N, C-alpha and C. Protein backbone atom coordinates (compact mmCIF):
# COMPACT_ATOMS: atom_id res chain seq x y z
N MET A 1 0.84 -1.18 0.00
CA MET A 1 0.00 0.00 0.00
C MET A 1 0.89 1.24 0.00
N GLN A 2 0.60 2.13 -0.89
CA GLN A 2 1.38 3.35 -1.00
C GLN A 2 0.69 4.46 -0.22
N ARG A 3 1.52 5.23 0.57
CA ARG A 3 0.95 6.35 1.32
C ARG A 3 0.99 7.60 0.46
N ILE A 4 -0.07 8.32 0.51
CA ILE A 4 -0.14 9.57 -0.23
C ILE A 4 -0.23 10.69 0.79
N TRP A 5 0.73 11.61 0.72
CA TRP A 5 0.73 12.76 1.64
C TRP A 5 -0.18 13.84 1.10
N THR A 6 -1.11 14.21 1.89
CA THR A 6 -2.01 15.30 1.51
C THR A 6 -1.55 16.56 2.23
N PRO A 7 -2.02 17.71 1.82
CA PRO A 7 -1.67 18.93 2.56
C PRO A 7 -2.05 18.82 4.03
N PHE A 8 -3.18 18.17 4.33
CA PHE A 8 -3.59 17.99 5.71
C PHE A 8 -2.58 17.15 6.48
N ALA A 9 -2.09 16.07 5.87
CA ALA A 9 -1.12 15.19 6.52
C ALA A 9 0.19 15.94 6.78
N THR A 10 0.58 16.77 5.85
CA THR A 10 1.81 17.56 6.02
C THR A 10 1.66 18.53 7.18
N ILE A 11 0.52 19.20 7.26
CA ILE A 11 0.27 20.13 8.37
C ILE A 11 0.20 19.37 9.68
N ALA A 12 -0.46 18.24 9.70
CA ALA A 12 -0.56 17.43 10.92
C ALA A 12 0.84 16.99 11.38
N ALA A 13 1.69 16.62 10.45
CA ALA A 13 3.06 16.20 10.80
C ALA A 13 3.83 17.37 11.38
N ALA A 14 3.67 18.56 10.82
CA ALA A 14 4.36 19.75 11.33
C ALA A 14 3.89 20.09 12.73
N ILE A 15 2.59 19.97 12.98
CA ILE A 15 2.05 20.23 14.32
C ILE A 15 2.59 19.20 15.30
N LEU A 16 2.63 17.95 14.92
CA LEU A 16 3.16 16.90 15.79
C LEU A 16 4.62 17.18 16.14
N LEU A 17 5.42 17.57 15.13
CA LEU A 17 6.82 17.90 15.41
C LEU A 17 6.95 19.09 16.33
N ALA A 18 6.07 20.06 16.19
CA ALA A 18 6.11 21.23 17.08
C ALA A 18 5.78 20.84 18.51
N ILE A 19 4.80 19.96 18.68
CA ILE A 19 4.41 19.52 20.03
C ILE A 19 5.51 18.70 20.67
N VAL A 20 6.13 17.83 19.91
CA VAL A 20 7.15 16.94 20.43
C VAL A 20 8.52 17.61 20.35
N GLY A 21 8.58 18.81 19.86
CA GLY A 21 9.83 19.52 19.66
C GLY A 21 10.74 19.54 20.86
N LEU A 22 10.20 19.66 22.06
CA LEU A 22 11.04 19.67 23.25
C LEU A 22 11.81 18.37 23.40
N TYR A 23 11.26 17.31 22.94
CA TYR A 23 11.90 16.01 23.08
C TYR A 23 12.97 15.77 22.02
N ILE A 24 12.77 16.30 20.83
CA ILE A 24 13.71 15.97 19.77
C ILE A 24 14.87 16.97 19.64
N HIS A 25 14.78 18.13 20.28
CA HIS A 25 15.88 19.08 20.23
C HIS A 25 16.98 18.68 21.20
N SER A 26 18.20 19.06 20.86
CA SER A 26 19.32 18.74 21.76
C SER A 26 19.33 19.67 22.95
N GLN A 27 19.98 19.25 24.01
CA GLN A 27 20.08 20.03 25.24
C GLN A 27 20.92 21.27 24.99
N SER A 28 20.47 22.41 25.52
CA SER A 28 21.25 23.63 25.36
C SER A 28 22.41 23.62 26.35
N VAL A 29 23.43 24.37 26.02
CA VAL A 29 24.62 24.44 26.85
C VAL A 29 24.71 25.84 27.43
N ALA A 30 25.03 25.94 28.71
CA ALA A 30 25.14 27.23 29.37
C ALA A 30 26.35 27.99 28.84
N ASP A 31 26.22 29.30 28.75
CA ASP A 31 27.33 30.16 28.34
C ASP A 31 28.20 30.41 29.57
N THR A 32 29.41 29.91 29.56
CA THR A 32 30.33 30.09 30.68
C THR A 32 31.53 30.92 30.25
N SER A 33 31.28 31.91 29.39
CA SER A 33 32.38 32.73 28.90
C SER A 33 32.07 34.21 29.10
N ALA A 34 33.11 35.02 29.01
CA ALA A 34 32.96 36.47 29.10
C ALA A 34 34.03 37.11 28.24
N GLN A 35 33.72 38.26 27.70
CA GLN A 35 34.69 39.04 26.93
C GLN A 35 34.44 40.51 27.24
N VAL A 36 35.50 41.23 27.52
CA VAL A 36 35.40 42.62 27.93
C VAL A 36 35.71 43.54 26.75
N THR A 37 34.87 44.54 26.55
CA THR A 37 35.13 45.56 25.54
C THR A 37 34.97 46.93 26.18
N GLY A 38 35.59 47.92 25.60
CA GLY A 38 35.47 49.27 26.13
C GLY A 38 36.15 50.28 25.23
N THR A 39 36.16 51.51 25.68
CA THR A 39 36.80 52.60 24.94
C THR A 39 37.91 53.19 25.79
N ALA A 40 39.09 53.28 25.24
CA ALA A 40 40.24 53.86 25.94
C ALA A 40 40.04 55.36 26.07
N PRO A 41 40.59 55.96 27.13
CA PRO A 41 40.47 57.42 27.27
C PRO A 41 41.30 58.13 26.20
N SER A 42 40.93 59.37 25.92
CA SER A 42 41.70 60.17 24.97
C SER A 42 42.39 61.34 25.67
N GLN A 43 42.11 61.47 26.97
CA GLN A 43 42.70 62.56 27.74
C GLN A 43 43.25 62.06 29.07
N ASN A 44 44.17 62.83 29.63
CA ASN A 44 44.65 62.61 30.99
C ASN A 44 43.68 63.30 31.94
N THR A 45 43.80 63.04 33.24
CA THR A 45 42.87 63.64 34.22
C THR A 45 42.96 65.16 34.27
N ASP A 46 44.07 65.75 33.82
CA ASP A 46 44.19 67.21 33.81
C ASP A 46 43.61 67.84 32.54
N GLY A 47 43.03 67.01 31.65
CA GLY A 47 42.42 67.51 30.43
C GLY A 47 43.34 67.53 29.23
N SER A 48 44.62 67.28 29.43
CA SER A 48 45.56 67.26 28.30
C SER A 48 45.37 65.99 27.48
N ALA A 49 45.80 66.04 26.23
CA ALA A 49 45.67 64.89 25.32
C ALA A 49 46.53 63.72 25.81
N LEU A 50 45.97 62.54 25.77
CA LEU A 50 46.70 61.32 26.13
C LEU A 50 47.47 60.88 24.89
N THR A 51 48.77 61.06 24.90
CA THR A 51 49.59 60.77 23.71
C THR A 51 50.52 59.58 23.90
N ASP A 52 50.58 59.04 25.13
CA ASP A 52 51.54 57.95 25.37
C ASP A 52 50.89 56.74 26.05
N LEU A 53 49.68 56.40 25.62
CA LEU A 53 49.00 55.21 26.10
C LEU A 53 49.77 53.98 25.65
N VAL A 54 50.03 53.04 26.56
CA VAL A 54 50.76 51.82 26.18
C VAL A 54 49.95 50.54 26.37
N SER A 55 48.97 50.56 27.28
CA SER A 55 48.20 49.33 27.47
C SER A 55 46.90 49.60 28.22
N ILE A 56 46.05 48.61 28.15
CA ILE A 56 44.82 48.55 28.93
C ILE A 56 44.94 47.30 29.80
N LYS A 57 44.70 47.46 31.10
CA LYS A 57 44.71 46.30 32.00
C LYS A 57 43.27 45.92 32.32
N ILE A 58 42.99 44.63 32.27
CA ILE A 58 41.67 44.10 32.61
C ILE A 58 41.76 43.46 33.99
N TYR A 59 40.86 43.87 34.87
CA TYR A 59 40.80 43.35 36.24
C TYR A 59 39.54 42.50 36.38
N HIS A 60 39.62 41.49 37.23
CA HIS A 60 38.51 40.55 37.44
C HIS A 60 38.31 40.31 38.92
N LYS A 61 37.03 40.15 39.28
CA LYS A 61 36.67 39.79 40.66
C LYS A 61 35.53 38.79 40.57
N LEU A 62 35.64 37.67 41.28
CA LEU A 62 34.58 36.66 41.33
C LEU A 62 33.84 36.81 42.65
N ASN A 63 32.52 37.03 42.55
CA ASN A 63 31.67 37.27 43.73
C ASN A 63 32.25 38.41 44.55
N ALA A 64 32.52 38.23 45.82
CA ALA A 64 33.07 39.31 46.65
C ALA A 64 34.57 39.12 46.86
N GLY A 65 35.21 38.42 45.96
CA GLY A 65 36.64 38.11 46.09
C GLY A 65 37.55 39.28 45.80
N THR A 66 38.81 38.98 45.68
CA THR A 66 39.85 39.96 45.45
C THR A 66 39.90 40.36 43.98
N VAL A 67 40.16 41.63 43.74
CA VAL A 67 40.32 42.15 42.39
C VAL A 67 41.75 41.86 41.95
N ALA A 68 41.91 41.28 40.76
CA ALA A 68 43.25 40.93 40.25
C ALA A 68 43.32 41.17 38.75
N VAL A 69 44.50 41.51 38.25
CA VAL A 69 44.71 41.67 36.83
C VAL A 69 44.64 40.30 36.16
N VAL A 70 43.85 40.22 35.09
CA VAL A 70 43.78 38.96 34.34
C VAL A 70 44.37 39.09 32.94
N GLU A 71 44.56 40.34 32.49
CA GLU A 71 45.11 40.52 31.15
C GLU A 71 45.63 41.95 30.99
N THR A 72 46.74 42.07 30.30
CA THR A 72 47.26 43.37 29.89
C THR A 72 47.27 43.38 28.37
N ILE A 73 46.51 44.30 27.80
CA ILE A 73 46.38 44.39 26.35
C ILE A 73 47.29 45.52 25.86
N PRO A 74 48.31 45.23 25.07
CA PRO A 74 49.10 46.31 24.48
C PRO A 74 48.16 47.16 23.62
N PHE A 75 48.14 48.46 23.88
CA PHE A 75 47.15 49.31 23.22
C PHE A 75 47.67 50.72 23.16
N THR A 76 47.68 51.33 21.99
CA THR A 76 48.22 52.68 21.84
C THR A 76 47.24 53.67 21.22
N THR A 77 46.01 53.25 20.97
CA THR A 77 45.04 54.11 20.31
C THR A 77 44.15 54.82 21.32
N ALA A 78 44.56 56.02 21.75
CA ALA A 78 43.75 56.80 22.68
C ALA A 78 42.38 57.05 22.06
N GLY A 79 41.33 56.80 22.82
CA GLY A 79 39.97 56.97 22.31
C GLY A 79 39.46 55.80 21.48
N GLY A 80 40.29 54.81 21.23
CA GLY A 80 39.88 53.64 20.44
C GLY A 80 39.21 52.57 21.29
N THR A 81 38.58 51.63 20.63
CA THR A 81 37.93 50.54 21.37
C THR A 81 38.89 49.37 21.54
N PHE A 82 38.75 48.69 22.66
CA PHE A 82 39.58 47.52 22.94
C PHE A 82 38.69 46.34 23.26
N THR A 83 39.23 45.14 23.04
CA THR A 83 38.51 43.90 23.33
C THR A 83 39.49 42.92 23.96
N SER A 84 39.07 42.33 25.07
CA SER A 84 39.91 41.32 25.73
C SER A 84 39.84 40.01 24.97
N THR A 85 40.66 39.06 25.38
CA THR A 85 40.49 37.71 24.88
C THR A 85 39.19 37.18 25.46
N LYS A 86 38.69 36.10 24.94
CA LYS A 86 37.46 35.52 25.48
C LYS A 86 37.83 34.59 26.62
N TYR A 87 37.34 34.89 27.81
CA TYR A 87 37.60 34.05 28.98
C TYR A 87 36.55 32.95 28.97
N THR A 88 37.00 31.70 28.98
CA THR A 88 36.07 30.57 28.83
C THR A 88 36.11 29.65 30.05
N SER A 89 35.14 28.78 30.12
CA SER A 89 35.01 27.79 31.19
C SER A 89 35.05 28.44 32.58
N LEU A 90 34.35 29.56 32.71
CA LEU A 90 34.31 30.27 33.99
C LEU A 90 33.44 29.50 34.98
N PRO A 91 33.81 29.50 36.24
CA PRO A 91 33.00 28.82 37.25
C PRO A 91 31.72 29.61 37.55
N ASN A 92 30.74 28.96 38.15
CA ASN A 92 29.50 29.63 38.53
C ASN A 92 29.81 30.79 39.48
N GLY A 93 29.05 31.85 39.34
CA GLY A 93 29.19 33.01 40.21
C GLY A 93 29.05 34.30 39.43
N VAL A 94 29.23 35.41 40.13
CA VAL A 94 29.15 36.72 39.51
C VAL A 94 30.57 37.18 39.18
N HIS A 95 30.86 37.34 37.90
CA HIS A 95 32.17 37.76 37.42
C HIS A 95 32.11 39.24 37.07
N CYS A 96 32.90 40.05 37.77
CA CYS A 96 32.91 41.49 37.52
C CYS A 96 34.26 41.90 36.95
N TYR A 97 34.22 42.80 35.99
CA TYR A 97 35.43 43.25 35.30
C TYR A 97 35.52 44.77 35.33
N ASN A 98 36.74 45.26 35.36
CA ASN A 98 37.06 46.68 35.25
C ASN A 98 38.27 46.79 34.35
N ALA A 99 38.57 48.01 33.92
CA ALA A 99 39.76 48.24 33.11
C ALA A 99 40.47 49.50 33.59
N THR A 100 41.77 49.55 33.34
CA THR A 100 42.54 50.77 33.58
C THR A 100 43.35 51.06 32.33
N ALA A 101 43.74 52.32 32.19
CA ALA A 101 44.62 52.74 31.10
C ALA A 101 46.00 53.00 31.69
N VAL A 102 47.04 52.59 30.96
CA VAL A 102 48.42 52.74 31.45
C VAL A 102 49.22 53.56 30.44
N ARG A 103 49.91 54.58 30.97
CA ARG A 103 50.78 55.43 30.14
C ARG A 103 52.21 54.91 30.20
N THR A 104 53.04 55.42 29.28
CA THR A 104 54.47 55.17 29.31
C THR A 104 54.99 55.57 30.69
N GLY A 105 55.85 54.78 31.26
CA GLY A 105 56.38 55.07 32.59
C GLY A 105 55.56 54.43 33.70
N GLY A 106 54.38 53.85 33.37
CA GLY A 106 53.62 53.09 34.35
C GLY A 106 52.48 53.80 35.04
N ALA A 107 52.25 55.10 34.77
CA ALA A 107 51.11 55.79 35.39
C ALA A 107 49.82 55.09 34.96
N GLU A 108 49.00 54.70 35.94
CA GLU A 108 47.79 53.91 35.67
C GLU A 108 46.56 54.65 36.18
N SER A 109 45.52 54.65 35.39
CA SER A 109 44.27 55.30 35.78
C SER A 109 43.59 54.54 36.91
N ALA A 110 42.56 55.14 37.45
CA ALA A 110 41.70 54.45 38.42
C ALA A 110 40.91 53.38 37.67
N LEU A 111 40.33 52.43 38.41
CA LEU A 111 39.49 51.40 37.81
C LEU A 111 38.25 52.03 37.17
N SER A 112 37.86 51.51 36.02
CA SER A 112 36.61 51.94 35.39
C SER A 112 35.45 51.60 36.34
N MET A 113 34.46 52.44 36.35
CA MET A 113 33.28 52.23 37.19
C MET A 113 32.03 52.54 36.36
N PRO A 114 30.93 51.91 36.60
CA PRO A 114 30.73 50.83 37.56
C PRO A 114 31.30 49.52 37.04
N ASP A 115 31.31 48.50 37.91
CA ASP A 115 31.76 47.18 37.49
C ASP A 115 30.90 46.69 36.32
N ALA A 116 31.52 45.99 35.39
CA ALA A 116 30.79 45.31 34.31
C ALA A 116 30.71 43.85 34.74
N CYS A 117 29.50 43.38 35.04
CA CYS A 117 29.35 42.03 35.63
C CYS A 117 28.51 41.11 34.76
N LYS A 118 28.80 39.82 34.89
CA LYS A 118 28.04 38.78 34.22
C LYS A 118 27.90 37.61 35.17
N THR A 119 26.68 37.12 35.32
CA THR A 119 26.44 35.95 36.17
C THR A 119 26.56 34.69 35.34
N ILE A 120 27.38 33.79 35.80
CA ILE A 120 27.56 32.49 35.14
C ILE A 120 26.85 31.44 35.97
N ASP A 121 25.98 30.68 35.34
CA ASP A 121 25.30 29.57 36.01
C ASP A 121 25.23 28.42 35.01
N ALA A 122 26.16 27.49 35.14
CA ALA A 122 26.24 26.37 34.20
C ALA A 122 25.31 25.23 34.57
N ARG A 123 24.45 25.43 35.53
CA ARG A 123 23.55 24.36 35.95
C ARG A 123 22.29 24.37 35.10
N VAL A 124 22.45 23.99 33.84
CA VAL A 124 21.32 23.90 32.90
C VAL A 124 20.58 22.61 33.20
N PRO A 125 19.26 22.68 33.33
CA PRO A 125 18.52 21.44 33.59
C PRO A 125 18.70 20.45 32.46
N LYS A 126 18.67 19.17 32.81
CA LYS A 126 18.72 18.13 31.79
C LYS A 126 17.43 18.14 31.00
N THR A 127 17.46 17.55 29.82
CA THR A 127 16.29 17.47 28.94
C THR A 127 15.22 16.60 29.57
N PRO A 128 13.94 17.02 29.49
CA PRO A 128 12.87 16.17 29.99
C PRO A 128 12.84 14.85 29.24
N THR A 129 12.39 13.81 29.91
CA THR A 129 12.28 12.49 29.27
C THR A 129 10.84 12.03 29.33
N GLY A 130 10.52 11.03 28.57
CA GLY A 130 9.19 10.44 28.59
C GLY A 130 8.11 11.34 28.03
N VAL A 131 8.47 12.31 27.21
CA VAL A 131 7.49 13.22 26.64
C VAL A 131 6.75 12.48 25.52
N THR A 132 5.44 12.46 25.60
CA THR A 132 4.63 11.77 24.58
C THR A 132 3.47 12.67 24.18
N VAL A 133 2.83 12.28 23.14
CA VAL A 133 1.62 12.95 22.70
C VAL A 133 0.56 11.87 22.46
N GLN A 134 -0.64 12.15 22.83
CA GLN A 134 -1.73 11.18 22.71
C GLN A 134 -2.72 11.62 21.66
């Protein structure tokens, strides 16, 4: 016996797939990464032009922990945008980042404020099982 698909059968199949869709899709994966972007200053605190920028330092704090440098980006474009490397496989918690600008000779700005934070929660529920349609 040969089956003939009618427009109704095609629509019924699409509806069935939509209903059972939760069962046939793969499990999503939690995003456990962060990447910092920002704009470097173009002036010094006295209002003069910043002409000797050498780097941007990225600082990180997990939850209420200690602030520590995680990356120094060589950077000489005052007023330009910067991007950190992508930090991956971060543990669960609140990850806060700040940046500073560093001039030739080591003079470093204050930390950028406010903190730029991202909450990581890798505890994605497992896929439901036993899903059926009657």
